[in-house]
Amino acid sequence: MLVDILCNFQWKLISEEGKDGVDPLLAICLELMTMASAAETDEIARDFFVSAYTSPLTLEIIRKNDYIRAKQVFSEFCPDWTDDDFKEAEGLVSGIEFATLMKTESSAPLEKRISGALDMLMKIYNVPEDIRKENIEKVLSRDYTSMGSKVFQYFKSYIEEENEQAFEEILK
């Protein structure tokens, strides 16, 4: 549930940032960028994302939702793929996403992790090199630190409001 809510906030911000229109492939790239940036700058965000990717229950939600979306976005690059191929690809992609979010002392800088993760993610789905490079450049040209902070701030505000409403309902 919380993972779905956060994804909705990410898509809202991505839409606001790309008023001229954001194609679905770029939106997927921007989503990973905002998560990685939020995790880089906010310990609570990092703990939330790492927990989401290490819990079987929430990882199942992530993989199921992302599998459906990946099938829609990447089918043109993978015309002969079956549902099982897309499911296997999503298992690999979720591992790349986790590795990008799980910063350690030996991790590369954020920009390098984002660039590498996006390149590998798109390679898995057979996206041609020129399209991969173009999308990575678009992502890295944005103020990803600000976008990541905004997304997580929206999310925290939403949770606080929901908690207040739930508490008021209990007191009635």
N, C-alpha and C. Protein backbone atom coordinates (compact mmCIF):
# COMPACT_ATOMS: atom_id res chain seq x y z
N MET A 1 0.82 -1.19 0.00
CA MET A 1 0.00 0.00 0.00
C MET A 1 0.87 1.26 0.00
N LEU A 2 1.80 1.38 0.94
CA LEU A 2 2.66 2.56 0.99
C LEU A 2 3.54 2.67 -0.25
N VAL A 3 3.97 1.53 -0.78
CA VAL A 3 4.79 1.53 -1.99
C VAL A 3 3.97 2.10 -3.15
N ASP A 4 2.70 1.68 -3.27
CA ASP A 4 1.83 2.20 -4.32
C ASP A 4 1.62 3.71 -4.17
N ILE A 5 1.41 4.16 -2.95
CA ILE A 5 1.21 5.59 -2.69
C ILE A 5 2.44 6.37 -3.12
N LEU A 6 3.62 5.89 -2.75
CA LEU A 6 4.84 6.59 -3.12
C LEU A 6 5.01 6.63 -4.63
N CYS A 7 4.72 5.54 -5.31
CA CYS A 7 4.83 5.53 -6.77
C CYS A 7 3.89 6.56 -7.40
N ASN A 8 2.69 6.69 -6.84
CA ASN A 8 1.76 7.70 -7.35
C ASN A 8 2.32 9.10 -7.17
N PHE A 9 2.95 9.38 -6.05
CA PHE A 9 3.56 10.69 -5.84
C PHE A 9 4.70 10.92 -6.82
N GLN A 10 5.48 9.89 -7.08
CA GLN A 10 6.57 10.03 -8.05
C GLN A 10 6.02 10.38 -9.42
N TRP A 11 4.98 9.69 -9.84
CA TRP A 11 4.41 9.95 -11.16
C TRP A 11 3.80 11.34 -11.22
N LYS A 12 3.21 11.81 -10.12
CA LYS A 12 2.65 13.17 -10.09
C LYS A 12 3.77 14.20 -10.30
N LEU A 13 4.86 14.05 -9.59
CA LEU A 13 5.96 14.99 -9.72
C LEU A 13 6.58 14.92 -11.11
N ILE A 14 6.74 13.73 -11.63
CA ILE A 14 7.30 13.58 -12.97
C ILE A 14 6.42 14.29 -13.98
N SER A 15 5.11 14.17 -13.82
CA SER A 15 4.19 14.86 -14.73
C SER A 15 4.31 16.37 -14.60
N GLU A 16 4.45 16.86 -13.38
CA GLU A 16 4.60 18.31 -13.17
C GLU A 16 5.91 18.81 -13.77
N GLU A 17 6.98 18.05 -13.60
CA GLU A 17 8.29 18.45 -14.11
C GLU A 17 8.32 18.42 -15.63
N GLY A 18 7.55 17.53 -16.23
CA GLY A 18 7.57 17.38 -17.68
C GLY A 18 6.30 17.89 -18.31
N LYS A 19 5.97 19.13 -18.06
CA LYS A 19 4.73 19.69 -18.59
C LYS A 19 4.63 19.56 -20.11
N ASP A 20 5.77 19.50 -20.78
CA ASP A 20 5.77 19.34 -22.23
C ASP A 20 5.53 17.88 -22.63
N GLY A 21 5.36 17.02 -21.66
CA GLY A 21 5.09 15.62 -21.92
C GLY A 21 6.29 14.75 -21.64
N VAL A 22 6.07 13.66 -20.95
CA VAL A 22 7.13 12.71 -20.65
C VAL A 22 6.70 11.36 -21.20
N ASP A 23 7.52 10.81 -22.10
CA ASP A 23 7.15 9.50 -22.63
C ASP A 23 7.34 8.45 -21.54
N PRO A 24 6.64 7.33 -21.65
CA PRO A 24 6.68 6.31 -20.60
C PRO A 24 8.07 5.78 -20.28
N LEU A 25 8.93 5.64 -21.29
CA LEU A 25 10.29 5.15 -21.03
C LEU A 25 11.05 6.14 -20.17
N LEU A 26 10.96 7.41 -20.51
CA LEU A 26 11.63 8.43 -19.69
C LEU A 26 11.03 8.47 -18.29
N ALA A 27 9.73 8.30 -18.17
CA ALA A 27 9.09 8.31 -16.86
C ALA A 27 9.64 7.20 -15.96
N ILE A 28 9.87 6.01 -16.53
CA ILE A 28 10.45 4.92 -15.75
C ILE A 28 11.85 5.30 -15.29
N CYS A 29 12.61 5.93 -16.16
CA CYS A 29 13.97 6.36 -15.81
C CYS A 29 13.93 7.42 -14.71
N LEU A 30 12.99 8.35 -14.83
CA LEU A 30 12.86 9.41 -13.82
C LEU A 30 12.41 8.85 -12.47
N GLU A 31 11.60 7.81 -12.50
CA GLU A 31 11.14 7.19 -11.26
C GLU A 31 12.33 6.62 -10.47
N LEU A 32 13.19 5.89 -11.15
CA LEU A 32 14.37 5.34 -10.46
C LEU A 32 15.26 6.46 -9.97
N MET A 33 15.42 7.49 -10.79
CA MET A 33 16.25 8.62 -10.39
C MET A 33 15.72 9.30 -9.13
N THR A 34 14.41 9.49 -9.04
CA THR A 34 13.87 10.17 -7.85
C THR A 34 14.02 9.30 -6.60
N MET A 35 13.84 7.99 -6.75
CA MET A 35 14.03 7.10 -5.60
C MET A 35 15.47 7.12 -5.13
N ALA A 36 16.41 7.00 -6.08
CA ALA A 36 17.83 6.98 -5.72
C ALA A 36 18.25 8.29 -5.08
N SER A 37 17.76 9.38 -5.61
CA SER A 37 18.11 10.69 -5.06
C SER A 37 17.55 10.87 -3.66
N ALA A 38 16.29 10.48 -3.47
CA ALA A 38 15.69 10.58 -2.13
C ALA A 38 16.45 9.71 -1.13
N ALA A 39 16.80 8.50 -1.55
CA ALA A 39 17.53 7.59 -0.67
C ALA A 39 18.93 8.11 -0.34
N GLU A 40 19.50 8.85 -1.29
CA GLU A 40 20.84 9.40 -1.09
C GLU A 40 20.85 10.52 -0.05
N THR A 41 19.78 11.31 -0.02
CA THR A 41 19.77 12.51 0.81
C THR A 41 18.96 12.39 2.09
N ASP A 42 18.17 11.34 2.22
CA ASP A 42 17.28 11.23 3.38
C ASP A 42 17.37 9.81 3.93
N GLU A 43 17.84 9.68 5.15
CA GLU A 43 18.02 8.36 5.77
C GLU A 43 16.69 7.61 5.90
N ILE A 44 15.62 8.34 6.20
CA ILE A 44 14.31 7.70 6.31
C ILE A 44 13.87 7.14 4.96
N ALA A 45 14.10 7.92 3.91
CA ALA A 45 13.76 7.46 2.56
C ALA A 45 14.56 6.20 2.22
N ARG A 46 15.85 6.23 2.50
CA ARG A 46 16.70 5.08 2.21
C ARG A 46 16.19 3.84 2.96
N ASP A 47 15.90 4.01 4.25
CA ASP A 47 15.39 2.88 5.03
C ASP A 47 14.07 2.36 4.47
N PHE A 48 13.20 3.28 4.06
CA PHE A 48 11.91 2.89 3.49
C PHE A 48 12.11 2.07 2.22
N PHE A 49 12.92 2.59 1.30
CA PHE A 49 13.13 1.89 0.03
C PHE A 49 13.84 0.56 0.22
N VAL A 50 14.87 0.55 1.03
CA VAL A 50 15.61 -0.69 1.25
C VAL A 50 14.67 -1.73 1.88
N SER A 51 13.85 -1.30 2.81
CA SER A 51 12.87 -2.22 3.42
C SER A 51 11.89 -2.74 2.38
N ALA A 52 11.44 -1.86 1.50
CA ALA A 52 10.49 -2.26 0.46
C ALA A 52 11.09 -3.30 -0.48
N TYR A 53 12.37 -3.18 -0.77
CA TYR A 53 13.02 -4.11 -1.69
C TYR A 53 13.53 -5.37 -1.00
N THR A 54 13.51 -5.42 0.32
CA THR A 54 13.99 -6.62 1.02
C THR A 54 12.87 -7.40 1.69
N SER A 55 11.67 -6.86 1.72
CA SER A 55 10.53 -7.58 2.26
C SER A 55 9.84 -8.35 1.12
N PRO A 56 9.64 -9.66 1.28
CA PRO A 56 8.98 -10.42 0.21
C PRO A 56 7.60 -9.86 -0.17
N LEU A 57 6.84 -9.39 0.80
CA LEU A 57 5.50 -8.88 0.51
C LEU A 57 5.55 -7.62 -0.36
N THR A 58 6.35 -6.63 0.03
CA THR A 58 6.40 -5.40 -0.75
C THR A 58 7.17 -5.59 -2.05
N LEU A 59 8.18 -6.45 -2.05
CA LEU A 59 8.90 -6.73 -3.29
C LEU A 59 7.96 -7.36 -4.31
N GLU A 60 7.06 -8.20 -3.85
CA GLU A 60 6.07 -8.80 -4.76
C GLU A 60 5.19 -7.72 -5.39
N ILE A 61 4.78 -6.74 -4.59
CA ILE A 61 3.97 -5.64 -5.11
C ILE A 61 4.77 -4.84 -6.15
N ILE A 62 6.00 -4.52 -5.82
CA ILE A 62 6.86 -3.78 -6.75
C ILE A 62 7.01 -4.55 -8.05
N ARG A 63 7.37 -5.82 -7.95
CA ARG A 63 7.61 -6.61 -9.16
C ARG A 63 6.34 -6.77 -9.99
N LYS A 64 5.23 -7.00 -9.34
CA LYS A 64 3.97 -7.18 -10.08
C LYS A 64 3.60 -5.90 -10.82
N ASN A 65 3.62 -4.77 -10.13
CA ASN A 65 3.28 -3.50 -10.77
C ASN A 65 4.27 -3.15 -11.88
N ASP A 66 5.55 -3.32 -11.60
CA ASP A 66 6.57 -2.95 -12.58
C ASP A 66 6.58 -3.90 -13.77
N TYR A 67 6.26 -5.16 -13.56
CA TYR A 67 6.17 -6.13 -14.66
C TYR A 67 5.09 -5.69 -15.65
N ILE A 68 3.94 -5.31 -15.13
CA ILE A 68 2.83 -4.88 -15.98
C ILE A 68 3.22 -3.63 -16.78
N ARG A 69 3.81 -2.68 -16.10
CA ARG A 69 4.22 -1.43 -16.76
C ARG A 69 5.34 -1.70 -17.77
N ALA A 70 6.32 -2.52 -17.39
CA ALA A 70 7.43 -2.83 -18.30
C ALA A 70 6.92 -3.50 -19.57
N LYS A 71 5.97 -4.37 -19.43
CA LYS A 71 5.41 -5.05 -20.59
C LYS A 71 4.78 -4.03 -21.55
N GLN A 72 4.11 -3.04 -21.00
CA GLN A 72 3.50 -2.00 -21.82
C GLN A 72 4.55 -1.12 -22.49
N VAL A 73 5.57 -0.74 -21.75
CA VAL A 73 6.56 0.22 -22.24
C VAL A 73 7.59 -0.42 -23.16
N PHE A 74 8.04 -1.62 -22.83
CA PHE A 74 9.17 -2.22 -23.53
C PHE A 74 8.79 -3.26 -24.59
N SER A 75 7.52 -3.52 -24.78
CA SER A 75 7.10 -4.55 -25.75
C SER A 75 7.65 -4.29 -27.14
N GLU A 76 7.74 -3.03 -27.52
CA GLU A 76 8.24 -2.72 -28.87
C GLU A 76 9.69 -3.16 -29.06
N PHE A 77 10.46 -3.22 -27.97
CA PHE A 77 11.85 -3.63 -28.05
C PHE A 77 12.02 -5.14 -27.85
N CYS A 78 10.97 -5.78 -27.38
CA CYS A 78 11.01 -7.22 -27.07
C CYS A 78 9.78 -7.92 -27.67
N PRO A 79 9.60 -7.85 -28.98
CA PRO A 79 8.36 -8.33 -29.58
C PRO A 79 8.10 -9.83 -29.40
N ASP A 80 9.12 -10.62 -29.20
CA ASP A 80 8.95 -12.07 -29.07
C ASP A 80 8.90 -12.56 -27.63
N TRP A 81 8.91 -11.63 -26.68
CA TRP A 81 8.95 -12.03 -25.28
C TRP A 81 7.60 -12.55 -24.81
N THR A 82 7.67 -13.51 -23.89
CA THR A 82 6.48 -14.04 -23.23
C THR A 82 6.30 -13.32 -21.89
N ASP A 83 5.20 -13.61 -21.23
CA ASP A 83 4.99 -13.06 -19.89
C ASP A 83 6.12 -13.48 -18.95
N ASP A 84 6.55 -14.73 -19.07
CA ASP A 84 7.65 -15.20 -18.21
C ASP A 84 8.95 -14.45 -18.48
N ASP A 85 9.20 -14.08 -19.73
CA ASP A 85 10.39 -13.29 -20.05
C ASP A 85 10.33 -11.93 -19.35
N PHE A 86 9.17 -11.29 -19.39
CA PHE A 86 9.02 -9.99 -18.72
C PHE A 86 9.12 -10.13 -17.20
N LYS A 87 8.58 -11.21 -16.66
CA LYS A 87 8.68 -11.43 -15.22
C LYS A 87 10.14 -11.65 -14.81
N GLU A 88 10.88 -12.42 -15.59
CA GLU A 88 12.29 -12.65 -15.29
C GLU A 88 13.08 -11.34 -15.38
N ALA A 89 12.79 -10.56 -16.41
CA ALA A 89 13.46 -9.26 -16.56
C ALA A 89 13.17 -8.37 -15.35
N GLU A 90 11.94 -8.38 -14.88
CA GLU A 90 11.60 -7.54 -13.73
C GLU A 90 12.33 -8.00 -12.47
N GLY A 91 12.56 -9.30 -12.34
CA GLY A 91 13.36 -9.77 -11.21
C GLY A 91 14.76 -9.19 -11.26
N LEU A 92 15.35 -9.15 -12.44
CA LEU A 92 16.69 -8.57 -12.59
C LEU A 92 16.66 -7.06 -12.35
N VAL A 93 15.65 -6.40 -12.90
CA VAL A 93 15.55 -4.94 -12.76
C VAL A 93 15.37 -4.56 -11.29
N SER A 94 14.54 -5.29 -10.56
CA SER A 94 14.35 -4.95 -9.14
C SER A 94 15.66 -5.12 -8.37
N GLY A 95 16.49 -6.06 -8.77
CA GLY A 95 17.80 -6.20 -8.15
C GLY A 95 18.71 -5.02 -8.44
N ILE A 96 18.66 -4.54 -9.67
CA ILE A 96 19.44 -3.35 -10.04
C ILE A 96 18.94 -2.13 -9.27
N GLU A 97 17.63 -2.02 -9.16
CA GLU A 97 17.07 -0.89 -8.40
C GLU A 97 17.53 -0.93 -6.94
N PHE A 98 17.47 -2.11 -6.34
CA PHE A 98 17.93 -2.26 -4.95
C PHE A 98 19.40 -1.87 -4.83
N ALA A 99 20.23 -2.35 -5.75
CA ALA A 99 21.66 -2.05 -5.70
C ALA A 99 21.91 -0.55 -5.82
N THR A 100 21.08 0.13 -6.58
CA THR A 100 21.23 1.58 -6.75
C THR A 100 20.84 2.32 -5.48
N LEU A 101 19.82 1.82 -4.79
CA LEU A 101 19.32 2.47 -3.58
C LEU A 101 20.18 2.16 -2.35
N MET A 102 20.79 1.00 -2.32
CA MET A 102 21.53 0.53 -1.16
C MET A 102 22.97 1.01 -1.20
N LYS A 103 23.17 2.26 -0.83
CA LYS A 103 24.50 2.86 -0.84
C LYS A 103 25.33 2.33 0.33
N THR A 104 26.58 2.00 0.02
CA THR A 104 27.55 1.61 1.05
C THR A 104 28.79 2.47 0.86
N GLU A 105 29.77 2.26 1.71
CA GLU A 105 31.01 3.03 1.60
C GLU A 105 31.71 2.80 0.27
N SER A 106 31.56 1.63 -0.31
CA SER A 106 32.24 1.33 -1.57
C SER A 106 31.40 1.66 -2.81
N SER A 107 30.23 2.27 -2.61
CA SER A 107 29.37 2.62 -3.74
C SER A 107 29.94 3.77 -4.55
N ALA A 108 29.63 3.75 -5.83
CA ALA A 108 29.99 4.85 -6.72
C ALA A 108 29.13 6.07 -6.36
N PRO A 109 29.53 7.25 -6.82
CA PRO A 109 28.70 8.44 -6.59
C PRO A 109 27.30 8.28 -7.21
N LEU A 110 26.35 9.03 -6.70
CA LEU A 110 24.94 8.91 -7.11
C LEU A 110 24.77 9.01 -8.62
N GLU A 111 25.35 10.00 -9.25
CA GLU A 111 25.17 10.17 -10.70
C GLU A 111 25.63 8.93 -11.47
N LYS A 112 26.74 8.35 -11.04
CA LYS A 112 27.27 7.15 -11.70
C LYS A 112 26.35 5.95 -11.46
N ARG A 113 25.81 5.83 -10.24
CA ARG A 113 24.88 4.73 -9.95
C ARG A 113 23.61 4.85 -10.77
N ILE A 114 23.08 6.08 -10.88
CA ILE A 114 21.87 6.29 -11.67
C ILE A 114 22.13 5.96 -13.13
N SER A 115 23.20 6.50 -13.67
CA SER A 115 23.55 6.26 -15.07
C SER A 115 23.73 4.78 -15.37
N GLY A 116 24.49 4.11 -14.53
CA GLY A 116 24.75 2.69 -14.73
C GLY A 116 23.48 1.85 -14.60
N ALA A 117 22.67 2.16 -13.61
CA ALA A 117 21.44 1.41 -13.40
C ALA A 117 20.48 1.58 -14.58
N LEU A 118 20.33 2.82 -15.03
CA LEU A 118 19.43 3.06 -16.16
C LEU A 118 19.91 2.38 -17.42
N ASP A 119 21.22 2.42 -17.66
CA ASP A 119 21.77 1.76 -18.85
C ASP A 119 21.50 0.26 -18.79
N MET A 120 21.78 -0.36 -17.66
CA MET A 120 21.57 -1.82 -17.53
C MET A 120 20.09 -2.17 -17.62
N LEU A 121 19.24 -1.37 -16.98
CA LEU A 121 17.80 -1.62 -17.02
C LEU A 121 17.32 -1.62 -18.46
N MET A 122 17.70 -0.60 -19.21
CA MET A 122 17.24 -0.52 -20.60
C MET A 122 17.89 -1.60 -21.48
N LYS A 123 19.13 -2.01 -21.18
CA LYS A 123 19.77 -3.10 -21.93
C LYS A 123 18.98 -4.40 -21.75
N ILE A 124 18.52 -4.64 -20.55
CA ILE A 124 17.74 -5.85 -20.28
C ILE A 124 16.55 -5.93 -21.22
N TYR A 125 15.94 -4.78 -21.51
CA TYR A 125 14.76 -4.73 -22.37
C TYR A 125 15.10 -4.41 -23.83
N ASN A 126 16.37 -4.62 -24.21
CA ASN A 126 16.79 -4.46 -25.61
C ASN A 126 16.60 -3.06 -26.18
N VAL A 127 16.63 -2.04 -25.35
CA VAL A 127 16.50 -0.67 -25.84
C VAL A 127 17.80 -0.31 -26.57
N PRO A 128 17.69 0.21 -27.80
CA PRO A 128 18.90 0.56 -28.56
C PRO A 128 19.77 1.59 -27.83
N GLU A 129 21.06 1.53 -28.09
CA GLU A 129 22.03 2.37 -27.40
C GLU A 129 21.72 3.86 -27.52
N ASP A 130 21.33 4.33 -28.70
CA ASP A 130 21.06 5.76 -28.87
C ASP A 130 19.89 6.22 -28.01
N ILE A 131 18.88 5.39 -27.88
CA ILE A 131 17.73 5.74 -27.03
C ILE A 131 18.13 5.69 -25.56
N ARG A 132 18.96 4.70 -25.19
CA ARG A 132 19.44 4.62 -23.80
C ARG A 132 20.20 5.88 -23.44
N LYS A 133 21.15 6.25 -24.29
CA LYS A 133 21.97 7.44 -24.01
C LYS A 133 21.12 8.70 -23.91
N GLU A 134 20.17 8.84 -24.81
CA GLU A 134 19.31 10.02 -24.81
C GLU A 134 18.52 10.13 -23.50
N ASN A 135 17.95 9.02 -23.06
CA ASN A 135 17.17 9.03 -21.82
C ASN A 135 18.04 9.28 -20.60
N ILE A 136 19.22 8.70 -20.56
CA ILE A 136 20.12 8.92 -19.43
C ILE A 136 20.53 10.39 -19.38
N GLU A 137 20.83 10.98 -20.52
CA GLU A 137 21.19 12.40 -20.56
C GLU A 137 20.03 13.27 -20.07
N LYS A 138 18.82 12.95 -20.49
CA LYS A 138 17.65 13.72 -20.05
C LYS A 138 17.48 13.63 -18.54
N VAL A 139 17.64 12.44 -18.00
CA VAL A 139 17.49 12.25 -16.56
C VAL A 139 18.55 13.02 -15.79
N LEU A 140 19.79 12.88 -16.21
CA LEU A 140 20.89 13.52 -15.47
C LEU A 140 20.92 15.04 -15.67
N SER A 141 20.21 15.55 -16.66
CA SER A 141 20.17 16.99 -16.86
C SER A 141 19.16 17.67 -15.93
N ARG A 142 18.34 16.88 -15.28
CA ARG A 142 17.34 17.42 -14.35
C ARG A 142 17.96 17.58 -12.96
N ASP A 143 17.29 18.38 -12.17
CA ASP A 143 17.72 18.57 -10.79
C ASP A 143 17.19 17.38 -9.97
N TYR A 144 17.89 16.25 -10.09
CA TYR A 144 17.39 15.03 -9.48
C TYR A 144 17.40 15.09 -7.96
N THR A 145 18.31 15.85 -7.38
CA THR A 145 18.32 15.97 -5.92
C THR A 145 17.04 16.64 -5.44
N SER A 146 16.64 17.71 -6.11
CA SER A 146 15.42 18.42 -5.76
C SER A 146 14.18 17.55 -5.99
N MET A 147 14.16 16.86 -7.14
CA MET A 147 13.01 16.01 -7.43
C MET A 147 12.86 14.90 -6.40
N GLY A 148 13.96 14.26 -6.02
CA GLY A 148 13.90 13.20 -5.03
C GLY A 148 13.40 13.71 -3.69
N SER A 149 13.88 14.89 -3.29
CA SER A 149 13.43 15.48 -2.03
C SER A 149 11.95 15.82 -2.07
N LYS A 150 11.49 16.39 -3.19
CA LYS A 150 10.07 16.74 -3.33
C LYS A 150 9.18 15.52 -3.22
N VAL A 151 9.54 14.46 -3.93
CA VAL A 151 8.72 13.25 -3.92
C VAL A 151 8.60 12.71 -2.50
N PHE A 152 9.72 12.61 -1.81
CA PHE A 152 9.65 12.04 -0.47
C PHE A 152 8.95 12.99 0.51
N GLN A 153 9.09 14.28 0.32
CA GLN A 153 8.38 15.24 1.17
C GLN A 153 6.87 15.14 0.96
N TYR A 154 6.43 15.02 -0.31
CA TYR A 154 5.01 14.79 -0.60
C TYR A 154 4.53 13.55 0.14
N PHE A 155 5.31 12.50 0.05
CA PHE A 155 4.95 11.24 0.65
C PHE A 155 4.82 11.36 2.17
N LYS A 156 5.80 11.97 2.81
CA LYS A 156 5.75 12.13 4.27
C LYS A 156 4.54 12.98 4.69
N SER A 157 4.26 14.04 3.94
CA SER A 157 3.11 14.89 4.26
C SER A 157 1.81 14.11 4.13
N TYR A 158 1.72 13.31 3.09
CA TYR A 158 0.53 12.49 2.89
C TYR A 158 0.33 11.52 4.06
N ILE A 159 1.39 10.86 4.46
CA ILE A 159 1.30 9.90 5.57
C ILE A 159 0.89 10.61 6.86
N GLU A 160 1.46 11.78 7.12
CA GLU A 160 1.09 12.54 8.32
C GLU A 160 -0.39 12.91 8.30
N GLU A 161 -0.88 13.37 7.15
CA GLU A 161 -2.30 13.72 7.03
C GLU A 161 -3.20 12.51 7.24
N GLU A 162 -2.82 11.40 6.63
CA GLU A 162 -3.61 10.17 6.79
C GLU A 162 -3.61 9.70 8.24
N ASN A 163 -2.47 9.78 8.90
CA ASN A 163 -2.40 9.39 10.31
C ASN A 163 -3.28 10.28 11.17
N GLU A 164 -3.25 11.58 10.92
CA GLU A 164 -4.10 12.51 11.67
C GLU A 164 -5.57 12.19 11.48
N GLN A 165 -5.97 11.94 10.23
CA GLN A 165 -7.38 11.62 9.96
C GLN A 165 -7.77 10.31 10.62
N ALA A 166 -6.91 9.32 10.58
CA ALA A 166 -7.20 8.05 11.21
C ALA A 166 -7.32 8.21 12.72
N PHE A 167 -6.45 9.01 13.31
CA PHE A 167 -6.50 9.25 14.74
C PHE A 167 -7.80 9.97 15.12
N GLU A 168 -8.20 10.96 14.32
CA GLU A 168 -9.45 11.67 14.59
C GLU A 168 -10.64 10.74 14.49
N GLU A 169 -10.62 9.80 13.55
CA GLU A 169 -11.70 8.83 13.40
C GLU A 169 -11.78 7.91 14.62
N ILE A 170 -10.63 7.55 15.14
CA ILE A 170 -10.60 6.71 16.33
C ILE A 170 -11.20 7.44 17.53
N LEU A 171 -10.95 8.72 17.64
CA LEU A 171 -11.43 9.51 18.77
C LEU A 171 -12.91 9.82 18.71
N LYS A 172 -13.53 9.64 17.56
CA LYS A 172 -14.97 9.94 17.41
C LYS A 172 -15.83 8.92 18.11
